[in-house]
Amino acid sequence: MKLENNLRKYRFEHNEISQQDLANAVGVTRLTIHSIETGKFNPSTLLALKIAAYFNASLEEIFYLVDDEENDEK
């Protein structure tokens, strides 16, 4: 299983907030937000919850699991 996310989509649906502005709001660096969006870094539970709370969304609306085998077929 792999953790995927809709973080970029949520940023753009919420006044096109920049990676830097989101990073400042949740207490991380812009590079951390970029790495989460590109799937290079999985956020801690605390960070994932902070991000979801920032967007007033459930955790599952932003982060979701995908079967690795499905990714291999794409």
PDB file of N, CA and C in Angstrom:
ATOM      1  N   MET A   1       0.832  -1.187   0.000  1.00  0.00           N
ATOM      2  CA  MET A   1       0.000   0.000   0.000  1.00  0.00           C
ATOM      3  C   MET A   1       0.877   1.251   0.000  1.00  0.00           C
ATOM      4  N   LYS A   2       0.368   2.274  -0.635  1.00  0.00           N
ATOM      5  CA  LYS A   2       1.094   3.536  -0.715  1.00  0.00           C
ATOM      6  C   LYS A   2       0.155   4.673  -0.320  1.00  0.00           C
ATOM      7  N   LEU A   3       0.701   5.652   0.401  1.00  0.00           N
ATOM      8  CA  LEU A   3      -0.077   6.823   0.799  1.00  0.00           C
ATOM      9  C   LEU A   3      -0.024   7.861  -0.314  1.00  0.00           C
ATOM     10  N   GLU A   4      -1.187   8.256  -0.795  1.00  0.00           N
ATOM     11  CA  GLU A   4      -1.296   9.308  -1.808  1.00  0.00           C
ATOM     12  C   GLU A   4      -2.061  10.461  -1.181  1.00  0.00           C
ATOM     13  N   ASN A   5      -2.146  11.583  -1.913  1.00  0.00           N
ATOM     14  CA  ASN A   5      -2.833  12.735  -1.329  1.00  0.00           C
ATOM     15  C   ASN A   5      -3.425  13.656  -2.384  1.00  0.00           C
ATOM     16  N   ASN A   6      -4.351  14.477  -1.925  1.00  0.00           N
ATOM     17  CA  ASN A   6      -4.990  15.512  -2.735  1.00  0.00           C
ATOM     18  C   ASN A   6      -4.546  16.893  -2.269  1.00  0.00           C
ATOM     19  N   LEU A   7      -3.367  16.983  -1.723  1.00  0.00           N
ATOM     20  CA  LEU A   7      -2.922  18.227  -1.101  1.00  0.00           C
ATOM     21  C   LEU A   7      -2.854  19.380  -2.096  1.00  0.00           C
ATOM     22  N   ARG A   8      -2.279  19.137  -3.243  1.00  0.00           N
ATOM     23  CA  ARG A   8      -2.182  20.196  -4.258  1.00  0.00           C
ATOM     24  C   ARG A   8      -3.576  20.682  -4.656  1.00  0.00           C
ATOM     25  N   LYS A   9      -4.480  19.744  -4.867  1.00  0.00           N
ATOM     26  CA  LYS A   9      -5.862  20.090  -5.227  1.00  0.00           C
ATOM     27  C   LYS A   9      -6.486  20.964  -4.137  1.00  0.00           C
ATOM     28  N   TYR A  10      -6.308  20.575  -2.896  1.00  0.00           N
ATOM     29  CA  TYR A  10      -6.879  21.352  -1.785  1.00  0.00           C
ATOM     30  C   TYR A  10      -6.271  22.744  -1.707  1.00  0.00           C
ATOM     31  N   ARG A  11      -4.976  22.858  -1.947  1.00  0.00           N
ATOM     32  CA  ARG A  11      -4.353  24.183  -1.926  1.00  0.00           C
ATOM     33  C   ARG A  11      -4.980  25.094  -2.973  1.00  0.00           C
ATOM     34  N   PHE A  12      -5.199  24.561  -4.162  1.00  0.00           N
ATOM     35  CA  PHE A  12      -5.745  25.384  -5.237  1.00  0.00           C
ATOM     36  C   PHE A  12      -7.230  25.664  -5.053  1.00  0.00           C
ATOM     37  N   GLU A  13      -7.939  24.759  -4.421  1.00  0.00           N
ATOM     38  CA  GLU A  13      -9.366  24.994  -4.159  1.00  0.00           C
ATOM     39  C   GLU A  13      -9.583  25.965  -3.004  1.00  0.00           C
ATOM     40  N   HIS A  14      -8.536  26.247  -2.257  1.00  0.00           N
ATOM     41  CA  HIS A  14      -8.628  27.172  -1.121  1.00  0.00           C
ATOM     42  C   HIS A  14      -7.779  28.408  -1.414  1.00  0.00           C
ATOM     43  N   ASN A  15      -8.256  29.192  -2.350  1.00  0.00           N
ATOM     44  CA  ASN A  15      -7.627  30.468  -2.733  1.00  0.00           C
ATOM     45  C   ASN A  15      -6.205  30.320  -3.243  1.00  0.00           C
ATOM     46  N   GLU A  16      -5.910  29.174  -3.840  1.00  0.00           N
ATOM     47  CA  GLU A  16      -4.585  28.919  -4.414  1.00  0.00           C
ATOM     48  C   GLU A  16      -3.466  29.237  -3.427  1.00  0.00           C
ATOM     49  N   ILE A  17      -3.647  28.782  -2.198  1.00  0.00           N
ATOM     50  CA  ILE A  17      -2.640  28.999  -1.160  1.00  0.00           C
ATOM     51  C   ILE A  17      -1.311  28.389  -1.604  1.00  0.00           C
ATOM     52  N   SER A  18      -0.234  29.104  -1.370  1.00  0.00           N
ATOM     53  CA  SER A  18       1.082  28.612  -1.780  1.00  0.00           C
ATOM     54  C   SER A  18       1.579  27.524  -0.831  1.00  0.00           C
ATOM     55  N   GLN A  19       2.552  26.779  -1.300  1.00  0.00           N
ATOM     56  CA  GLN A  19       3.180  25.779  -0.446  1.00  0.00           C
ATOM     57  C   GLN A  19       3.770  26.456   0.787  1.00  0.00           C
ATOM     58  N   GLN A  20       4.377  27.626   0.598  1.00  0.00           N
ATOM     59  CA  GLN A  20       4.997  28.346   1.710  1.00  0.00           C
ATOM     60  C   GLN A  20       3.961  28.775   2.740  1.00  0.00           C
ATOM     61  N   ASP A  21       2.823  29.296   2.288  1.00  0.00           N
ATOM     62  CA  ASP A  21       1.781  29.725   3.222  1.00  0.00           C
ATOM     63  C   ASP A  21       1.226  28.547   4.018  1.00  0.00           C
ATOM     64  N   LEU A  22       1.028  27.414   3.354  1.00  0.00           N
ATOM     65  CA  LEU A  22       0.553  26.220   4.063  1.00  0.00           C
ATOM     66  C   LEU A  22       1.623  25.747   5.046  1.00  0.00           C
ATOM     67  N   ALA A  23       2.863  25.736   4.613  1.00  0.00           N
ATOM     68  CA  ALA A  23       3.964  25.316   5.488  1.00  0.00           C
ATOM     69  C   ALA A  23       4.009  26.180   6.745  1.00  0.00           C
ATOM     70  N   ASN A  24       3.894  27.489   6.570  1.00  0.00           N
ATOM     71  CA  ASN A  24       3.896  28.401   7.718  1.00  0.00           C
ATOM     72  C   ASN A  24       2.728  28.107   8.658  1.00  0.00           C
ATOM     73  N   ALA A  25       1.574  27.818   8.084  1.00  0.00           N
ATOM     74  CA  ALA A  25       0.368  27.590   8.882  1.00  0.00           C
ATOM     75  C   ALA A  25       0.457  26.321   9.731  1.00  0.00           C
ATOM     76  N   VAL A  26       1.158  25.301   9.219  1.00  0.00           N
ATOM     77  CA  VAL A  26       1.234  24.028   9.953  1.00  0.00           C
ATOM     78  C   VAL A  26       2.595  23.783  10.595  1.00  0.00           C
ATOM     79  N   GLY A  27       3.517  24.732  10.456  1.00  0.00           N
ATOM     80  CA  GLY A  27       4.787  24.652  11.168  1.00  0.00           C
ATOM     81  C   GLY A  27       5.857  23.766  10.570  1.00  0.00           C
ATOM     82  N   VAL A  28       5.916  23.719   9.223  1.00  0.00           N
ATOM     83  CA  VAL A  28       6.968  22.949   8.552  1.00  0.00           C
ATOM     84  C   VAL A  28       7.593  23.821   7.463  1.00  0.00           C
ATOM     85  N   THR A  29       8.537  23.262   6.707  1.00  0.00           N
ATOM     86  CA  THR A  29       9.154  24.009   5.614  1.00  0.00           C
ATOM     87  C   THR A  29       8.358  23.808   4.321  1.00  0.00           C
ATOM     88  N   ARG A  30       8.604  24.690   3.378  1.00  0.00           N
ATOM     89  CA  ARG A  30       7.958  24.562   2.065  1.00  0.00           C
ATOM     90  C   ARG A  30       8.381  23.252   1.404  1.00  0.00           C
ATOM     91  N   LEU A  31       9.639  22.879   1.592  1.00  0.00           N
ATOM     92  CA  LEU A  31      10.128  21.637   1.003  1.00  0.00           C
ATOM     93  C   LEU A  31       9.363  20.426   1.545  1.00  0.00           C
ATOM     94  N   THR A  32       8.982  20.460   2.810  1.00  0.00           N
ATOM     95  CA  THR A  32       8.190  19.361   3.383  1.00  0.00           C
ATOM     96  C   THR A  32       6.860  19.249   2.662  1.00  0.00           C
ATOM     97  N   ILE A  33       6.183  20.377   2.441  1.00  0.00           N
ATOM     98  CA  ILE A  33       4.891  20.357   1.734  1.00  0.00           C
ATOM     99  C   ILE A  33       5.094  19.834   0.316  1.00  0.00           C
ATOM    100  N   HIS A  34       6.115  20.316  -0.363  1.00  0.00           N
ATOM    101  CA  HIS A  34       6.414  19.843  -1.722  1.00  0.00           C
ATOM    102  C   HIS A  34       6.666  18.333  -1.727  1.00  0.00           C
ATOM    103  N   SER A  35       7.443  17.855  -0.776  1.00  0.00           N
ATOM    104  CA  SER A  35       7.767  16.427  -0.707  1.00  0.00           C
ATOM    105  C   SER A  35       6.542  15.570  -0.421  1.00  0.00           C
ATOM    106  N   ILE A  36       5.623  16.079   0.380  1.00  0.00           N
ATOM    107  CA  ILE A  36       4.371  15.359   0.637  1.00  0.00           C
ATOM    108  C   ILE A  36       3.556  15.297  -0.650  1.00  0.00           C
ATOM    109  N   GLU A  37       3.410  16.433  -1.322  1.00  0.00           N
ATOM    110  CA  GLU A  37       2.615  16.484  -2.551  1.00  0.00           C
ATOM    111  C   GLU A  37       3.142  15.538  -3.621  1.00  0.00           C
ATOM    112  N   THR A  38       4.442  15.407  -3.727  1.00  0.00           N
ATOM    113  CA  THR A  38       5.033  14.559  -4.765  1.00  0.00           C
ATOM    114  C   THR A  38       5.193  13.104  -4.333  1.00  0.00           C
ATOM    115  N   GLY A  39       4.807  12.795  -3.106  1.00  0.00           N
ATOM    116  CA  GLY A  39       4.869  11.416  -2.633  1.00  0.00           C
ATOM    117  C   GLY A  39       6.245  10.967  -2.188  1.00  0.00           C
ATOM    118  N   LYS A  40       7.168  11.904  -2.026  1.00  0.00           N
ATOM    119  CA  LYS A  40       8.515  11.550  -1.577  1.00  0.00           C
ATOM    120  C   LYS A  40       8.623  11.458  -0.065  1.00  0.00           C
ATOM    121  N   PHE A  41       7.611  11.968   0.627  1.00  0.00           N
ATOM    122  CA  PHE A  41       7.635  11.993   2.088  1.00  0.00           C
ATOM    123  C   PHE A  41       6.228  11.759   2.613  1.00  0.00           C
ATOM    124  N   ASN A  42       6.092  10.845   3.577  1.00  0.00           N
ATOM    125  CA  ASN A  42       4.812  10.618   4.237  1.00  0.00           C
ATOM    126  C   ASN A  42       4.785  11.432   5.527  1.00  0.00           C
ATOM    127  N   PRO A  43       3.766  12.250   5.699  1.00  0.00           N
ATOM    128  CA  PRO A  43       3.712  13.091   6.897  1.00  0.00           C
ATOM    129  C   PRO A  43       3.456  12.255   8.144  1.00  0.00           C
ATOM    130  N   SER A  44       3.881  12.788   9.279  1.00  0.00           N
ATOM    131  CA  SER A  44       3.535  12.159  10.549  1.00  0.00           C
ATOM    132  C   SER A  44       2.026  12.266  10.737  1.00  0.00           C
ATOM    133  N   THR A  45       1.505  11.494  11.649  1.00  0.00           N
ATOM    134  CA  THR A  45       0.075  11.583  11.947  1.00  0.00           C
ATOM    135  C   THR A  45      -0.284  12.983  12.400  1.00  0.00           C
ATOM    136  N   LEU A  46       0.547  13.561  13.251  1.00  0.00           N
ATOM    137  CA  LEU A  46       0.293  14.917  13.742  1.00  0.00           C
ATOM    138  C   LEU A  46       0.242  15.923  12.598  1.00  0.00           C
ATOM    139  N   LEU A  47       1.209  15.861  11.690  1.00  0.00           N
ATOM    140  CA  LEU A  47       1.234  16.793  10.570  1.00  0.00           C
ATOM    141  C   LEU A  47       0.039  16.576   9.645  1.00  0.00           C
ATOM    142  N   ALA A  48      -0.290  15.330   9.363  1.00  0.00           N
ATOM    143  CA  ALA A  48      -1.452  15.042   8.507  1.00  0.00           C
ATOM    144  C   ALA A  48      -2.728  15.608   9.132  1.00  0.00           C
ATOM    145  N   LEU A  49      -2.868  15.459  10.440  1.00  0.00           N
ATOM    146  CA  LEU A  49      -4.046  16.001  11.123  1.00  0.00           C
ATOM    147  C   LEU A  49      -4.052  17.526  11.094  1.00  0.00           C
ATOM    148  N   LYS A  50      -2.895  18.153  11.240  1.00  0.00           N
ATOM    149  CA  LYS A  50      -2.812  19.619  11.165  1.00  0.00           C
ATOM    150  C   LYS A  50      -3.221  20.117   9.779  1.00  0.00           C
ATOM    151  N   ILE A  51      -2.760  19.420   8.754  1.00  0.00           N
ATOM    152  CA  ILE A  51      -3.102  19.806   7.383  1.00  0.00           C
ATOM    153  C   ILE A  51      -4.601  19.661   7.153  1.00  0.00           C
ATOM    154  N   ALA A  52      -5.165  18.543   7.573  1.00  0.00           N
ATOM    155  CA  ALA A  52      -6.609  18.332   7.415  1.00  0.00           C
ATOM    156  C   ALA A  52      -7.393  19.399   8.172  1.00  0.00           C
ATOM    157  N   ALA A  53      -6.973  19.708   9.387  1.00  0.00           N
ATOM    158  CA  ALA A  53      -7.658  20.728  10.183  1.00  0.00           C
ATOM    159  C   ALA A  53      -7.558  22.091   9.506  1.00  0.00           C
ATOM    160  N   TYR A  54      -6.404  22.397   8.927  1.00  0.00           N
ATOM    161  CA  TYR A  54      -6.229  23.677   8.242  1.00  0.00           C
ATOM    162  C   TYR A  54      -7.275  23.846   7.138  1.00  0.00           C
ATOM    163  N   PHE A  55      -7.522  22.778   6.397  1.00  0.00           N
ATOM    164  CA  PHE A  55      -8.491  22.823   5.301  1.00  0.00           C
ATOM    165  C   PHE A  55      -9.914  22.483   5.749  1.00  0.00           C
ATOM    166  N   ASN A  56     -10.090  22.253   7.057  1.00  0.00           N
ATOM    167  CA  ASN A  56     -11.398  21.886   7.593  1.00  0.00           C
ATOM    168  C   ASN A  56     -11.963  20.675   6.841  1.00  0.00           C
ATOM    169  N   ALA A  57     -11.093  19.686   6.652  1.00  0.00           N
ATOM    170  CA  ALA A  57     -11.445  18.479   5.913  1.00  0.00           C
ATOM    171  C   ALA A  57     -11.101  17.261   6.765  1.00  0.00           C
ATOM    172  N   SER A  58     -11.682  16.136   6.405  1.00  0.00           N
ATOM    173  CA  SER A  58     -11.315  14.904   7.101  1.00  0.00           C
ATOM    174  C   SER A  58      -9.960  14.437   6.569  1.00  0.00           C
ATOM    175  N   LEU A  59      -9.280  13.670   7.359  1.00  0.00           N
ATOM    176  CA  LEU A  59      -7.979  13.128   6.967  1.00  0.00           C
ATOM    177  C   LEU A  59      -8.101  12.351   5.654  1.00  0.00           C
ATOM    178  N   GLU A  60      -9.176  11.562   5.531  1.00  0.00           N
ATOM    179  CA  GLU A  60      -9.371  10.716   4.359  1.00  0.00           C
ATOM    180  C   GLU A  60      -9.673  11.505   3.093  1.00  0.00           C
ATOM    181  N   GLU A  61     -10.131  12.747   3.235  1.00  0.00           N
ATOM    182  CA  GLU A  61     -10.367  13.570   2.048  1.00  0.00           C
ATOM    183  C   GLU A  61      -9.047  14.027   1.430  1.00  0.00           C
ATOM    184  N   ILE A  62      -8.021  14.156   2.240  1.00  0.00           N
ATOM    185  CA  ILE A  62      -6.735  14.637   1.750  1.00  0.00           C
ATOM    186  C   ILE A  62      -5.752  13.497   1.521  1.00  0.00           C
ATOM    187  N   PHE A  63      -5.711  12.537   2.423  1.00  0.00           N
ATOM    188  CA  PHE A  63      -4.773  11.421   2.331  1.00  0.00           C
ATOM    189  C   PHE A  63      -5.537  10.114   2.154  1.00  0.00           C
ATOM    190  N   TYR A  64      -5.021   9.241   1.280  1.00  0.00           N
ATOM    191  CA  TYR A  64      -5.692   7.970   1.030  1.00  0.00           C
ATOM    192  C   TYR A  64      -4.671   6.911   0.619  1.00  0.00           C
ATOM    193  N   LEU A  65      -5.036   5.667   0.812  1.00  0.00           N
ATOM    194  CA  LEU A  65      -4.153   4.545   0.473  1.00  0.00           C
ATOM    195  C   LEU A  65      -4.479   4.017  -0.921  1.00  0.00           C
ATOM    196  N   VAL A  66      -3.416   3.618  -1.623  1.00  0.00           N
ATOM    197  CA  VAL A  66      -3.558   3.017  -2.938  1.00  0.00           C
ATOM    198  C   VAL A  66      -2.737   1.735  -2.934  1.00  0.00           C
ATOM    199  N   ASP A  67      -3.280   0.691  -3.522  1.00  0.00           N
ATOM    200  CA  ASP A  67      -2.559  -0.577  -3.634  1.00  0.00           C
ATOM    201  C   ASP A  67      -1.376  -0.384  -4.573  1.00  0.00           C
ATOM    202  N   ASP A  68      -0.193  -0.799  -4.165  1.00  0.00           N
ATOM    203  CA  ASP A  68       1.008  -0.653  -4.994  1.00  0.00           C
ATOM    204  C   ASP A  68       0.853  -1.289  -6.363  1.00  0.00           C
ATOM    205  N   GLU A  69       0.130  -2.391  -6.440  1.00  0.00           N
ATOM    206  CA  GLU A  69      -0.054  -3.091  -7.720  1.00  0.00           C
ATOM    207  C   GLU A  69      -0.819  -2.219  -8.700  1.00  0.00           C
ATOM    208  N   GLU A  70      -1.758  -1.403  -8.203  1.00  0.00           N
ATOM    209  CA  GLU A  70      -2.493  -0.491  -9.079  1.00  0.00           C
ATOM    210  C   GLU A  70      -1.549   0.548  -9.654  1.00  0.00           C
ATOM    211  N   ASN A  71      -0.607   1.033  -8.861  1.00  0.00           N
ATOM    212  CA  ASN A  71       0.368   2.032  -9.328  1.00  0.00           C
ATOM    213  C   ASN A  71       1.290   1.439 -10.386  1.00  0.00           C
ATOM    214  N   ASP A  72       1.647   0.164 -10.243  1.00  0.00           N
ATOM    215  CA  ASP A  72       2.557  -0.473 -11.180  1.00  0.00           C
ATOM    216  C   ASP A  72       1.941  -0.593 -12.577  1.00  0.00           C
ATOM    217  N   GLU A  73       0.604  -0.683 -12.634  1.00  0.00           N
ATOM    218  CA  GLU A  73      -0.080  -0.850 -13.909  1.00  0.00           C
ATOM    219  C   GLU A  73      -0.195   0.463 -14.668  1.00  0.00           C
ATOM    220  N   LYS A  74      -0.046   1.599 -14.000  1.00  0.00           N
ATOM    221  CA  LYS A  74      -0.231   2.907 -14.644  1.00  0.00           C
ATOM    222  C   LYS A  74       0.993   3.337 -15.398  1.00  0.00           C
TER     223      LYS A  74
END
